């Protein structure tokens, strides 16, 4: 079965799990080196529900994926914090429909490593508002195409720019034990296309995210 080729895990999810284990080890090591008490380290995971905003206004089906990563939060003032980290985020879109009498599906996978630069403000109690930029580097760009009973995957990385910048805005709730949940919306500020594709001149990310994590 597709997605269960090795150790019963899809290769993409295996990479994600390895990435998370590495980040956990780094976080524990950094905390043990005697950082100041106003610096908190942690891990974060999320469900991404996103698509691409295209210049030709063509509507695409959203793609549900995931994000995992490491974060560091610095308490600048009691109500004002700065948060950064390193995130592995799966993005893209799902295009499906008909070409003539045949059904098709084109699943575009865009995987990024992102560096969020976020300001967080405590609205009241444990509720925080957050906003900031997220420069991201493109690791993988692939299209998984299915038409009738045939399926194949091809790299399209040459069609996309190496760098993107997202603007993030959201809210989060953090407990006294360090656990947190949040909602975030990310909109791309740059055209991610390297060159026009047919009548398509530009594309930007649009992502809704439900995140959760732990700081220590």
Protein backbone atom coordinates (compact mmCIF):
# COMPACT_ATOMS: atom_id res chain seq x y z
CA UNK A 1 0.00 0.00 0.00
CA UNK A 2 1.15 3.52 -0.76
CA UNK A 3 2.59 5.23 2.31
CA UNK A 4 3.51 1.95 4.05
CA UNK A 5 6.64 1.02 2.15
CA UNK A 6 9.17 0.97 4.97
CA UNK A 7 8.60 0.19 8.65
CA UNK A 8 4.91 0.93 8.01
CA UNK A 9 5.59 4.66 7.76
CA UNK A 10 5.43 7.01 4.82
CA UNK A 11 8.92 8.38 4.04
CA UNK A 12 7.75 11.98 4.52
CA UNK A 13 6.42 11.22 8.01
CA UNK A 14 9.62 9.38 8.89
CA UNK A 15 11.63 12.50 8.03
CA UNK A 16 9.29 14.55 10.16
CA UNK A 17 9.71 12.24 13.15
CA UNK A 18 13.50 12.25 12.81
CA UNK A 19 13.44 16.07 12.63
CA UNK A 20 11.34 16.25 15.80
CA UNK A 21 13.64 13.89 17.74
CA UNK A 22 16.68 16.00 16.78
CA UNK A 23 14.94 19.18 17.90
CA UNK A 24 13.98 17.65 21.24
CA UNK A 25 17.61 16.66 21.88
CA UNK A 26 18.86 20.13 20.95
CA UNK A 27 16.24 21.78 23.18
CA UNK A 28 17.16 19.71 26.23
CA UNK A 29 20.88 20.30 25.68
CA UNK A 30 20.45 24.07 25.30
CA UNK A 31 18.32 24.33 28.43
CA UNK A 32 20.92 22.40 30.41
CA UNK A 33 23.64 24.91 29.56
CA UNK A 34 22.33 27.50 32.01
CA UNK A 35 20.35 29.93 29.83
CA UNK A 36 18.66 32.81 31.59
CA UNK A 37 15.33 32.16 33.25
CA UNK A 38 13.50 34.51 30.87
CA UNK A 39 14.31 32.27 27.88
CA UNK A 40 11.99 29.32 27.32
CA UNK A 41 12.63 26.53 24.82
CA UNK A 42 10.08 24.15 23.45
CA UNK A 43 8.57 22.13 20.64
CA UNK A 44 5.56 22.82 18.45
CA UNK A 45 3.37 20.85 16.07
CA UNK A 46 0.47 21.93 13.90
CA UNK A 47 -2.12 21.01 11.34
CA UNK A 48 -1.82 23.16 8.20
CA UNK A 49 -4.88 23.70 6.01
CA UNK A 50 -3.81 25.75 3.02
CA UNK A 51 -3.84 26.45 -0.67
CA UNK A 52 -2.27 28.90 -3.12
CA UNK A 53 -3.64 32.27 -4.19
CA UNK A 54 -3.11 32.36 -7.96
CA UNK A 55 -3.03 35.25 -10.43
CA UNK A 56 -5.53 33.50 -12.71
CA UNK A 57 -8.07 33.30 -9.85
CA UNK A 58 -8.47 29.58 -10.34
CA UNK A 59 -9.95 27.92 -7.26
CA UNK A 60 -8.01 24.95 -5.88
CA UNK A 61 -8.94 22.42 -3.21
CA UNK A 62 -7.17 22.98 0.08
CA UNK A 63 -4.46 20.62 1.27
CA UNK A 64 -4.29 19.43 4.89
CA UNK A 65 -0.72 18.72 6.06
CA UNK A 66 1.44 19.26 9.14
CA UNK A 67 4.18 21.40 10.66
CA UNK A 68 6.68 20.51 13.40
CA UNK A 69 9.54 22.40 14.94
CA UNK A 70 11.55 23.88 17.74
CA UNK A 71 10.92 27.29 19.31
CA UNK A 72 12.64 29.72 21.65
CA UNK A 73 10.68 32.42 23.47
CA UNK A 74 12.34 35.38 25.18
CA UNK A 75 10.49 37.39 27.83
CA UNK A 76 11.41 40.97 26.93
CA UNK A 77 8.79 42.40 29.29
CA UNK A 78 6.08 40.78 31.35
CA UNK A 79 3.47 41.26 28.62
CA UNK A 80 5.76 41.37 25.58
CA UNK A 81 7.66 38.31 24.35
CA UNK A 82 9.75 37.57 21.27
CA UNK A 83 9.52 34.11 19.74
CA UNK A 84 11.62 32.43 17.08
CA UNK A 85 12.63 28.89 16.20
CA UNK A 86 13.04 26.46 13.33
CA UNK A 87 10.02 24.91 11.60
CA UNK A 88 9.56 22.15 9.04
CA UNK A 89 6.31 22.94 7.23
CA UNK A 90 4.50 20.98 4.50
CA UNK A 91 2.45 23.24 2.22
CA UNK A 92 0.96 23.27 -1.28
CA UNK A 93 -2.45 22.60 -2.77
CA UNK A 94 -4.69 19.91 -4.22
CA UNK A 95 -6.07 20.38 -7.74
CA UNK A 96 -8.69 17.94 -8.95
CA UNK A 97 -11.37 17.83 -11.61
CA UNK A 98 -11.89 16.63 -15.19
CA UNK A 99 -9.92 16.93 -18.40
CA UNK A 100 -12.37 15.96 -21.08
CA UNK A 101 -13.96 12.72 -19.94
CA UNK A 102 -11.16 11.79 -17.54
CA UNK A 103 -10.85 12.61 -13.86
CA UNK A 104 -7.50 13.88 -12.59
CA UNK A 105 -5.77 14.96 -9.38
CA UNK A 106 -2.59 17.04 -9.14
CA UNK A 107 -1.23 17.18 -5.58
CA UNK A 108 1.41 19.89 -5.25
CA UNK A 109 3.79 19.40 -2.30
CA UNK A 110 5.93 22.35 -1.19
CA UNK A 111 8.08 21.63 1.88
CA UNK A 112 9.84 24.50 3.65
CA UNK A 113 12.21 25.17 6.53
CA UNK A 114 11.00 28.38 8.20
CA UNK A 115 12.44 30.85 10.71
CA UNK A 116 9.52 32.64 12.45
CA UNK A 117 10.20 36.08 13.95
CA UNK A 118 7.19 36.72 16.15
CA UNK A 119 6.12 39.32 18.69
CA UNK A 120 3.66 38.11 21.33
CA UNK A 121 1.52 40.37 23.52
CA UNK A 122 -0.40 39.21 26.56
CA UNK A 123 -4.00 40.39 26.13
CA UNK A 124 -5.20 39.08 29.48
CA UNK A 125 -4.69 36.12 31.79
CA UNK A 126 -3.12 33.35 29.60
CA UNK A 127 -4.32 34.61 26.20
CA UNK A 128 -1.68 35.98 23.80
CA UNK A 129 -1.88 37.81 20.48
CA UNK A 130 1.00 37.20 18.06
CA UNK A 131 2.23 38.62 14.79
CA UNK A 132 5.40 38.56 12.71
CA UNK A 133 7.26 37.44 9.61
CA UNK A 134 8.47 33.99 8.63
CA UNK A 135 11.26 33.71 6.03
CA UNK A 136 11.27 30.18 4.58
CA UNK A 137 13.56 28.10 2.39
CA UNK A 138 12.10 25.63 -0.09
CA UNK A 139 13.36 22.05 0.36
CA UNK A 140 11.05 20.01 -1.87
CA UNK A 141 8.63 20.85 -4.68
CA UNK A 142 6.83 17.87 -6.23
CA UNK A 143 3.61 17.12 -8.06
CA UNK A 144 1.87 13.78 -7.53
CA UNK A 145 -0.35 13.37 -10.58
CA UNK A 146 -3.15 10.83 -10.85
CA UNK A 147 -5.17 10.38 -14.04
CA UNK A 148 -7.47 7.41 -14.44
CA UNK A 149 -5.45 4.50 -12.99
CA UNK A 150 -2.00 5.99 -13.67
CA UNK A 151 0.05 7.85 -11.07
CA UNK A 152 3.51 9.43 -11.12
CA UNK A 153 5.54 11.95 -9.11
CA UNK A 154 7.81 14.57 -10.63
CA UNK A 155 9.96 17.34 -9.21
CA UNK A 156 8.91 20.91 -10.08
CA UNK A 157 11.48 22.69 -7.91
CA UNK A 158 12.85 24.58 -10.90
CA UNK A 159 9.46 26.31 -11.22
CA UNK A 160 9.59 27.78 -7.70
CA UNK A 161 11.81 30.28 -5.93
CA UNK A 162 14.08 29.08 -3.15
CA UNK A 163 12.82 31.69 -0.67
CA UNK A 164 9.42 32.85 0.53
CA UNK A 165 8.21 35.19 3.28
CA UNK A 166 4.97 34.68 5.20
CA UNK A 167 3.14 37.18 7.38
CA UNK A 168 1.69 35.45 10.46
CA UNK A 169 -1.09 36.61 12.77
CA UNK A 170 -2.86 34.64 15.46
CA UNK A 171 -3.77 33.98 19.08
CA UNK A 172 -2.60 31.36 21.56
CA UNK A 173 -3.47 30.12 25.02
CA UNK A 174 -0.69 28.97 27.34
CA UNK A 175 -1.19 27.11 30.61
CA UNK A 176 0.91 27.46 33.75
CA UNK A 177 2.45 24.05 33.00
CA UNK A 178 3.93 25.18 29.68
CA UNK A 179 1.40 23.57 27.33
CA UNK A 180 -0.14 25.82 24.68
CA UNK A 181 -2.60 25.76 21.79
CA UNK A 182 -3.14 28.39 19.13
CA UNK A 183 -4.75 29.48 15.89
CA UNK A 184 -2.73 31.24 13.21
CA UNK A 185 -3.23 32.55 9.70
CA UNK A 186 -0.28 32.91 7.32
CA UNK A 187 -0.34 34.81 4.03
CA UNK A 188 2.52 34.83 1.52
CA UNK A 189 4.06 38.23 0.83
CA UNK A 190 6.05 37.13 -2.21
CA UNK A 191 5.37 35.48 -5.55
CA UNK A 192 6.79 31.96 -5.20
CA UNK A 193 6.89 31.24 -8.96
CA UNK A 194 10.31 31.43 -10.58
CA UNK A 195 8.78 31.82 -14.07
CA UNK A 196 5.19 32.07 -15.39
CA UNK A 197 3.45 28.75 -16.11
CA UNK A 198 0.99 29.22 -18.98
CA UNK A 199 -1.48 31.92 -17.89
CA UNK A 200 -0.26 31.62 -14.30
CA UNK A 201 2.00 34.57 -13.40
CA UNK A 202 2.08 34.42 -9.60
CA UNK A 203 1.20 32.27 -6.61
CA UNK A 204 1.17 33.01 -2.87
CA UNK A 205 0.55 30.81 0.14
CA UNK A 206 -2.61 31.04 2.23
CA UNK A 207 -2.53 28.82 5.33
CA UNK A 208 -4.81 28.32 8.33
CA UNK A 209 -3.07 26.59 11.20
CA UNK A 210 -4.06 24.94 14.47
CA UNK A 211 -0.92 24.52 16.59
CA UNK A 212 -0.03 23.00 19.93
CA UNK A 213 3.16 22.47 21.89
CA UNK A 214 5.12 22.64 25.11
CA UNK A 215 7.76 24.99 26.52
CA UNK A 216 10.11 24.25 29.40
